[in-house]
């Protein structure tokens, strides 16, 4: 799922079935998401990754994503 707030885009829960990994499908999904945002004039895409999820972090690093220092705050409502 990809969306934006008019300024920044976000991608949520990109997933590829285990048997389809290492086929380029994840890269293709991200290429399409980035293209969708660019076509709407959105110049930045933000991702949130759990710190312990090294495989996902490595995947995004290979695509050119970099870590930025931010504080993410949350409040559980339910």
PDB file of N, CA and C in Angstrom:
ATOM      1  N   UNK A   1       0.846  -1.160   0.000  1.00  0.00           N
ATOM      2  CA  UNK A   1       0.000   0.000   0.000  1.00  0.00           C
ATOM      3  C   UNK A   1       0.898   1.231   0.000  1.00  0.00           C
ATOM      4  N   UNK A   2       0.600   2.176  -0.857  1.00  0.00           N
ATOM      5  CA  UNK A   2       1.342   3.426  -0.936  1.00  0.00           C
ATOM      6  C   UNK A   2       0.355   4.581  -0.868  1.00  0.00           C
ATOM      7  N   UNK A   3       0.776   5.634  -0.204  1.00  0.00           N
ATOM      8  CA  UNK A   3      -0.067   6.820  -0.106  1.00  0.00           C
ATOM      9  C   UNK A   3       0.792   8.030   0.185  1.00  0.00           C
ATOM     10  N   UNK A   4       0.136   9.191   0.318  1.00  0.00           N
ATOM     11  CA  UNK A   4       0.875  10.410   0.635  1.00  0.00           C
ATOM     12  C   UNK A   4      -0.031  11.405   1.343  1.00  0.00           C
ATOM     13  N   UNK A   5       0.607  12.370   1.983  1.00  0.00           N
ATOM     14  CA  UNK A   5      -0.124  13.422   2.686  1.00  0.00           C
ATOM     15  C   UNK A   5      -0.058  14.745   1.934  1.00  0.00           C
ATOM     16  N   UNK A   6       0.348  14.699   0.671  1.00  0.00           N
ATOM     17  CA  UNK A   6       0.509  15.898  -0.125  1.00  0.00           C
ATOM     18  C   UNK A   6       1.935  16.417  -0.132  1.00  0.00           C
ATOM     19  N   UNK A   7       2.743  15.919   0.775  1.00  0.00           N
ATOM     20  CA  UNK A   7       4.145  16.358   0.868  1.00  0.00           C
ATOM     21  C   UNK A   7       5.108  15.164   0.844  1.00  0.00           C
ATOM     22  N   UNK A   8       4.830  14.168   1.676  1.00  0.00           N
ATOM     23  CA  UNK A   8       5.667  12.966   1.771  1.00  0.00           C
ATOM     24  C   UNK A   8       4.824  11.731   1.490  1.00  0.00           C
ATOM     25  N   UNK A   9       5.461  10.757   0.868  1.00  0.00           N
ATOM     26  CA  UNK A   9       4.798   9.483   0.624  1.00  0.00           C
ATOM     27  C   UNK A   9       5.199   8.456   1.662  1.00  0.00           C
ATOM     28  N   UNK A  10       4.421   7.411   1.736  1.00  0.00           N
ATOM     29  CA  UNK A  10       4.723   6.308   2.634  1.00  0.00           C
ATOM     30  C   UNK A  10       4.330   4.992   2.000  1.00  0.00           C
ATOM     31  N   UNK A  11       5.107   3.979   2.280  1.00  0.00           N
ATOM     32  CA  UNK A  11       4.812   2.629   1.828  1.00  0.00           C
ATOM     33  C   UNK A  11       4.629   1.781   3.076  1.00  0.00           C
ATOM     34  N   UNK A  12       3.578   0.993   3.093  1.00  0.00           N
ATOM     35  CA  UNK A  12       3.240   0.203   4.270  1.00  0.00           C
ATOM     36  C   UNK A  12       3.151  -1.277   3.904  1.00  0.00           C
ATOM     37  N   UNK A  13       3.861  -2.093   4.639  1.00  0.00           N
ATOM     38  CA  UNK A  13       3.736  -3.543   4.546  1.00  0.00           C
ATOM     39  C   UNK A  13       3.935  -4.118   3.145  1.00  0.00           C
ATOM     40  N   UNK A  14       5.069  -3.832   2.557  1.00  0.00           N
ATOM     41  CA  UNK A  14       5.429  -4.495   1.310  1.00  0.00           C
ATOM     42  C   UNK A  14       5.761  -5.939   1.659  1.00  0.00           C
ATOM     43  N   UNK A  15       5.195  -6.867   0.919  1.00  0.00           N
ATOM     44  CA  UNK A  15       5.416  -8.271   1.236  1.00  0.00           C
ATOM     45  C   UNK A  15       5.476  -9.101  -0.033  1.00  0.00           C
ATOM     46  N   UNK A  16       6.388 -10.060  -0.018  1.00  0.00           N
ATOM     47  CA  UNK A  16       6.517 -11.015  -1.115  1.00  0.00           C
ATOM     48  C   UNK A  16       6.506 -12.408  -0.494  1.00  0.00           C
ATOM     49  N   UNK A  17       5.727 -13.301  -1.054  1.00  0.00           N
ATOM     50  CA  UNK A  17       5.655 -14.674  -0.546  1.00  0.00           C
ATOM     51  C   UNK A  17       7.052 -15.281  -0.516  1.00  0.00           C
ATOM     52  N   UNK A  18       7.356 -16.073   0.502  1.00  0.00           N
ATOM     53  CA  UNK A  18       8.705 -16.654   0.621  1.00  0.00           C
ATOM     54  C   UNK A  18       9.190 -17.338  -0.651  1.00  0.00           C
ATOM     55  N   UNK A  19       8.325 -18.061  -1.319  1.00  0.00           N
ATOM     56  CA  UNK A  19       8.756 -18.785  -2.528  1.00  0.00           C
ATOM     57  C   UNK A  19       9.015 -17.858  -3.719  1.00  0.00           C
ATOM     58  N   UNK A  20       8.585 -16.585  -3.620  1.00  0.00           N
ATOM     59  CA  UNK A  20       8.790 -15.624  -4.712  1.00  0.00           C
ATOM     60  C   UNK A  20       9.904 -14.627  -4.403  1.00  0.00           C
ATOM     61  N   UNK A  21      10.561 -14.777  -3.267  1.00  0.00           N
ATOM     62  CA  UNK A  21      11.636 -13.851  -2.918  1.00  0.00           C
ATOM     63  C   UNK A  21      12.861 -14.101  -3.788  1.00  0.00           C
ATOM     64  N   UNK A  22      13.680 -13.076  -3.900  1.00  0.00           N
ATOM     65  CA  UNK A  22      14.892 -13.118  -4.733  1.00  0.00           C
ATOM     66  C   UNK A  22      14.565 -13.224  -6.220  1.00  0.00           C
ATOM     67  N   UNK A  23      13.374 -12.794  -6.618  1.00  0.00           N
ATOM     68  CA  UNK A  23      12.970 -12.818  -8.030  1.00  0.00           C
ATOM     69  C   UNK A  23      12.862 -11.418  -8.624  1.00  0.00           C
ATOM     70  N   UNK A  24      13.055 -10.378  -7.796  1.00  0.00           N
ATOM     71  CA  UNK A  24      12.922  -9.007  -8.273  1.00  0.00           C
ATOM     72  C   UNK A  24      11.535  -8.427  -8.058  1.00  0.00           C
ATOM     73  N   UNK A  25      10.629  -9.208  -7.503  1.00  0.00           N
ATOM     74  CA  UNK A  25       9.266  -8.732  -7.303  1.00  0.00           C
ATOM     75  C   UNK A  25       9.213  -7.579  -6.302  1.00  0.00           C
ATOM     76  N   UNK A  26       9.947  -7.672  -5.211  1.00  0.00           N
ATOM     77  CA  UNK A  26       9.976  -6.586  -4.232  1.00  0.00           C
ATOM     78  C   UNK A  26      10.504  -5.300  -4.843  1.00  0.00           C
ATOM     79  N   UNK A  27      11.560  -5.417  -5.630  1.00  0.00           N
ATOM     80  CA  UNK A  27      12.098  -4.239  -6.323  1.00  0.00           C
ATOM     81  C   UNK A  27      11.069  -3.649  -7.273  1.00  0.00           C
ATOM     82  N   UNK A  28      10.350  -4.505  -7.978  1.00  0.00           N
ATOM     83  CA  UNK A  28       9.323  -4.030  -8.910  1.00  0.00           C
ATOM     84  C   UNK A  28       8.189  -3.318  -8.169  1.00  0.00           C
ATOM     85  N   UNK A  29       7.787  -3.858  -7.032  1.00  0.00           N
ATOM     86  CA  UNK A  29       6.741  -3.214  -6.229  1.00  0.00           C
ATOM     87  C   UNK A  29       7.196  -1.821  -5.815  1.00  0.00           C
ATOM     88  N   UNK A  30       8.425  -1.706  -5.329  1.00  0.00           N
ATOM     89  CA  UNK A  30       8.925  -0.409  -4.894  1.00  0.00           C
ATOM     90  C   UNK A  30       9.097   0.558  -6.064  1.00  0.00           C
ATOM     91  N   UNK A  31       9.535   0.074  -7.203  1.00  0.00           N
ATOM     92  CA  UNK A  31       9.668   0.924  -8.392  1.00  0.00           C
ATOM     93  C   UNK A  31       8.313   1.510  -8.778  1.00  0.00           C
ATOM     94  N   UNK A  32       7.275   0.678  -8.736  1.00  0.00           N
ATOM     95  CA  UNK A  32       5.924   1.157  -9.055  1.00  0.00           C
ATOM     96  C   UNK A  32       5.421   2.153  -8.019  1.00  0.00           C
ATOM     97  N   UNK A  33       5.678   1.879  -6.729  1.00  0.00           N
ATOM     98  CA  UNK A  33       5.256   2.796  -5.672  1.00  0.00           C
ATOM     99  C   UNK A  33       5.951   4.150  -5.833  1.00  0.00           C
ATOM    100  N   UNK A  34       7.255   4.125  -6.084  1.00  0.00           N
ATOM    101  CA  UNK A  34       7.996   5.365  -6.286  1.00  0.00           C
ATOM    102  C   UNK A  34       7.478   6.118  -7.508  1.00  0.00           C
ATOM    103  N   UNK A  35       7.202   5.407  -8.587  1.00  0.00           N
ATOM    104  CA  UNK A  35       6.671   6.029  -9.799  1.00  0.00           C
ATOM    105  C   UNK A  35       5.308   6.665  -9.564  1.00  0.00           C
ATOM    106  N   UNK A  36       4.465   5.988  -8.798  1.00  0.00           N
ATOM    107  CA  UNK A  36       3.135   6.508  -8.475  1.00  0.00           C
ATOM    108  C   UNK A  36       3.262   7.825  -7.716  1.00  0.00           C
ATOM    109  N   UNK A  37       4.193   7.868  -6.743  1.00  0.00           N
ATOM    110  CA  UNK A  37       4.401   9.094  -5.965  1.00  0.00           C
ATOM    111  C   UNK A  37       4.979  10.208  -6.835  1.00  0.00           C
ATOM    112  N   UNK A  38       5.981   9.885  -7.639  1.00  0.00           N
ATOM    113  CA  UNK A  38       6.596  10.891  -8.506  1.00  0.00           C
ATOM    114  C   UNK A  38       5.564  11.500  -9.452  1.00  0.00           C
ATOM    115  N   UNK A  39       4.683  10.681  -9.992  1.00  0.00           N
ATOM    116  CA  UNK A  39       3.657  11.158 -10.922  1.00  0.00           C
ATOM    117  C   UNK A  39       2.707  12.149 -10.248  1.00  0.00           C
ATOM    118  N   UNK A  40       2.643  12.130  -8.938  1.00  0.00           N
ATOM    119  CA  UNK A  40       1.783  13.026  -8.176  1.00  0.00           C
ATOM    120  C   UNK A  40       2.565  14.180  -7.555  1.00  0.00           C
ATOM    121  N   UNK A  41       3.836  14.307  -7.938  1.00  0.00           N
ATOM    122  CA  UNK A  41       4.652  15.409  -7.465  1.00  0.00           C
ATOM    123  C   UNK A  41       5.171  15.253  -6.050  1.00  0.00           C
ATOM    124  N   UNK A  42       5.187  14.029  -5.545  1.00  0.00           N
ATOM    125  CA  UNK A  42       5.672  13.770  -4.190  1.00  0.00           C
ATOM    126  C   UNK A  42       7.160  13.451  -4.277  1.00  0.00           C
ATOM    127  N   UNK A  43       7.977  14.236  -3.575  1.00  0.00           N
ATOM    128  CA  UNK A  43       9.424  14.137  -3.726  1.00  0.00           C
ATOM    129  C   UNK A  43      10.157  13.298  -2.696  1.00  0.00           C
ATOM    130  N   UNK A  44       9.438  12.775  -1.692  1.00  0.00           N
ATOM    131  CA  UNK A  44      10.132  12.001  -0.658  1.00  0.00           C
ATOM    132  C   UNK A  44       9.244  10.844  -0.226  1.00  0.00           C
ATOM    133  N   UNK A  45       9.882   9.700   0.009  1.00  0.00           N
ATOM    134  CA  UNK A  45       9.172   8.520   0.484  1.00  0.00           C
ATOM    135  C   UNK A  45       9.766   8.112   1.826  1.00  0.00           C
ATOM    136  N   UNK A  46       8.932   8.003   2.827  1.00  0.00           N
ATOM    137  CA  UNK A  46       9.364   7.576   4.159  1.00  0.00           C
ATOM    138  C   UNK A  46       8.971   6.130   4.402  1.00  0.00           C
ATOM    139  N   UNK A  47       9.827   5.423   5.117  1.00  0.00           N
ATOM    140  CA  UNK A  47       9.565   4.039   5.519  1.00  0.00           C
ATOM    141  C   UNK A  47       9.794   3.913   7.017  1.00  0.00           C
ATOM    142  N   UNK A  48       9.076   3.030   7.649  1.00  0.00           N
ATOM    143  CA  UNK A  48       9.371   2.662   9.032  1.00  0.00           C
ATOM    144  C   UNK A  48       9.642   1.167   9.053  1.00  0.00           C
ATOM    145  N   UNK A  49      10.763   0.799   9.662  1.00  0.00           N
ATOM    146  CA  UNK A  49      11.192  -0.593   9.738  1.00  0.00           C
ATOM    147  C   UNK A  49      11.518  -0.897  11.191  1.00  0.00           C
ATOM    148  N   UNK A  50      11.079  -2.027  11.663  1.00  0.00           N
ATOM    149  CA  UNK A  50      11.457  -2.427  13.022  1.00  0.00           C
ATOM    150  C   UNK A  50      12.968  -2.630  13.086  1.00  0.00           C
ATOM    151  N   UNK A  51      13.571  -2.162  14.161  1.00  0.00           N
ATOM    152  CA  UNK A  51      15.035  -2.207  14.296  1.00  0.00           C
ATOM    153  C   UNK A  51      15.598  -3.610  14.148  1.00  0.00           C
ATOM    154  N   UNK A  52      14.879  -4.612  14.619  1.00  0.00           N
ATOM    155  CA  UNK A  52      15.393  -5.987  14.575  1.00  0.00           C
ATOM    156  C   UNK A  52      15.225  -6.652  13.206  1.00  0.00           C
ATOM    157  N   UNK A  53      14.568  -5.991  12.261  1.00  0.00           N
ATOM    158  CA  UNK A  53      14.301  -6.592  10.959  1.00  0.00           C
ATOM    159  C   UNK A  53      15.429  -6.271   9.976  1.00  0.00           C
ATOM    160  N   UNK A  54      16.562  -6.909  10.178  1.00  0.00           N
ATOM    161  CA  UNK A  54      17.759  -6.657   9.371  1.00  0.00           C
ATOM    162  C   UNK A  54      17.565  -6.994   7.892  1.00  0.00           C
ATOM    163  N   UNK A  55      16.825  -8.048   7.604  1.00  0.00           N
ATOM    164  CA  UNK A  55      16.637  -8.445   6.203  1.00  0.00           C
ATOM    165  C   UNK A  55      15.912  -7.352   5.424  1.00  0.00           C
ATOM    166  N   UNK A  56      14.900  -6.773   6.029  1.00  0.00           N
ATOM    167  CA  UNK A  56      14.144  -5.712   5.357  1.00  0.00           C
ATOM    168  C   UNK A  56      14.998  -4.448   5.237  1.00  0.00           C
ATOM    169  N   UNK A  57      15.732  -4.152   6.281  1.00  0.00           N
ATOM    170  CA  UNK A  57      16.619  -2.983   6.235  1.00  0.00           C
ATOM    171  C   UNK A  57      17.633  -3.128   5.105  1.00  0.00           C
ATOM    172  N   UNK A  58      18.227  -4.298   4.986  1.00  0.00           N
ATOM    173  CA  UNK A  58      19.188  -4.557   3.918  1.00  0.00           C
ATOM    174  C   UNK A  58      18.538  -4.413   2.546  1.00  0.00           C
ATOM    175  N   UNK A  59      17.328  -4.932   2.402  1.00  0.00           N
ATOM    176  CA  UNK A  59      16.587  -4.819   1.137  1.00  0.00           C
ATOM    177  C   UNK A  59      16.464  -3.355   0.725  1.00  0.00           C
ATOM    178  N   UNK A  60      15.998  -2.510   1.645  1.00  0.00           N
ATOM    179  CA  UNK A  60      15.806  -1.098   1.313  1.00  0.00           C
ATOM    180  C   UNK A  60      17.129  -0.369   1.106  1.00  0.00           C
ATOM    181  N   UNK A  61      18.150  -0.720   1.839  1.00  0.00           N
ATOM    182  CA  UNK A  61      19.468  -0.107   1.626  1.00  0.00           C
ATOM    183  C   UNK A  61      19.972  -0.392   0.217  1.00  0.00           C
ATOM    184  N   UNK A  62      19.738  -1.604  -0.272  1.00  0.00           N
ATOM    185  CA  UNK A  62      20.156  -1.954  -1.638  1.00  0.00           C
ATOM    186  C   UNK A  62      19.409  -1.127  -2.682  1.00  0.00           C
ATOM    187  N   UNK A  63      18.231  -0.630  -2.322  1.00  0.00           N
ATOM    188  CA  UNK A  63      17.448   0.210  -3.231  1.00  0.00           C
ATOM    189  C   UNK A  63      17.808   1.690  -3.095  1.00  0.00           C
ATOM    190  N   UNK A  64      18.749   2.006  -2.202  1.00  0.00           N
ATOM    191  CA  UNK A  64      19.199   3.378  -2.062  1.00  0.00           C
ATOM    192  C   UNK A  64      18.594   4.151  -0.899  1.00  0.00           C
ATOM    193  N   UNK A  65      17.822   3.485  -0.068  1.00  0.00           N
ATOM    194  CA  UNK A  65      17.234   4.156   1.095  1.00  0.00           C
ATOM    195  C   UNK A  65      18.287   4.287   2.192  1.00  0.00           C
ATOM    196  N   UNK A  66      18.202   5.372   2.947  1.00  0.00           N
ATOM    197  CA  UNK A  66      19.144   5.634   4.026  1.00  0.00           C
ATOM    198  C   UNK A  66      18.384   5.912   5.314  1.00  0.00           C
ATOM    199  N   UNK A  67      19.048   5.643   6.422  1.00  0.00           N
ATOM    200  CA  UNK A  67      18.450   5.903   7.729  1.00  0.00           C
ATOM    201  C   UNK A  67      18.540   7.386   8.046  1.00  0.00           C
ATOM    202  N   UNK A  68      17.445   7.975   8.516  1.00  0.00           N
ATOM    203  CA  UNK A  68      17.418   9.353   8.983  1.00  0.00           C
ATOM    204  C   UNK A  68      17.091   9.339  10.468  1.00  0.00           C
ATOM    205  N   UNK A  69      17.684  10.254  11.192  1.00  0.00           N
ATOM    206  CA  UNK A  69      17.431  10.328  12.631  1.00  0.00           C
ATOM    207  C   UNK A  69      16.097  11.022  12.879  1.00  0.00           C
ATOM    208  N   UNK A  70      15.158  10.281  13.452  1.00  0.00           N
ATOM    209  CA  UNK A  70      13.836  10.796  13.779  1.00  0.00           C
ATOM    210  C   UNK A  70      13.370  10.145  15.057  1.00  0.00           C
ATOM    211  N   UNK A  71      12.417  10.771  15.683  1.00  0.00           N
ATOM    212  CA  UNK A  71      11.735  10.164  16.815  1.00  0.00           C
ATOM    213  C   UNK A  71      10.338   9.818  16.347  1.00  0.00           C
ATOM    214  N   UNK A  72       9.968   8.570  16.484  1.00  0.00           N
ATOM    215  CA  UNK A  72       8.625   8.132  16.140  1.00  0.00           C
ATOM    216  C   UNK A  72       7.873   7.937  17.436  1.00  0.00           C
ATOM    217  N   UNK A  73       6.749   8.590  17.554  1.00  0.00           N
ATOM    218  CA  UNK A  73       5.942   8.471  18.761  1.00  0.00           C
ATOM    219  C   UNK A  73       4.621   7.796  18.411  1.00  0.00           C
ATOM    220  N   UNK A  74       4.085   7.087  19.372  1.00  0.00           N
ATOM    221  CA  UNK A  74       2.825   6.380  19.156  1.00  0.00           C
ATOM    222  C   UNK A  74       2.051   6.321  20.462  1.00  0.00           C
ATOM    223  N   UNK A  75       0.775   6.105  20.332  1.00  0.00           N
ATOM    224  CA  UNK A  75      -0.091   5.882  21.495  1.00  0.00           C
ATOM    225  C   UNK A  75      -1.108   4.830  21.105  1.00  0.00           C
ATOM    226  N   UNK A  76      -1.169   3.766  21.854  1.00  0.00           N
ATOM    227  CA  UNK A  76      -2.146   2.720  21.584  1.00  0.00           C
ATOM    228  C   UNK A  76      -3.516   3.180  22.058  1.00  0.00           C
ATOM    229  N   UNK A  77      -4.497   3.046  21.201  1.00  0.00           N
ATOM    230  CA  UNK A  77      -5.846   3.479  21.520  1.00  0.00           C
ATOM    231  C   UNK A  77      -6.777   2.328  21.878  1.00  0.00           C
ATOM    232  N   UNK A  78      -6.413   1.140  21.453  1.00  0.00           N
ATOM    233  CA  UNK A  78      -7.236  -0.045  21.767  1.00  0.00           C
ATOM    234  C   UNK A  78      -6.381  -1.099  22.420  1.00  0.00           C
TER     235      UNK A  78
END
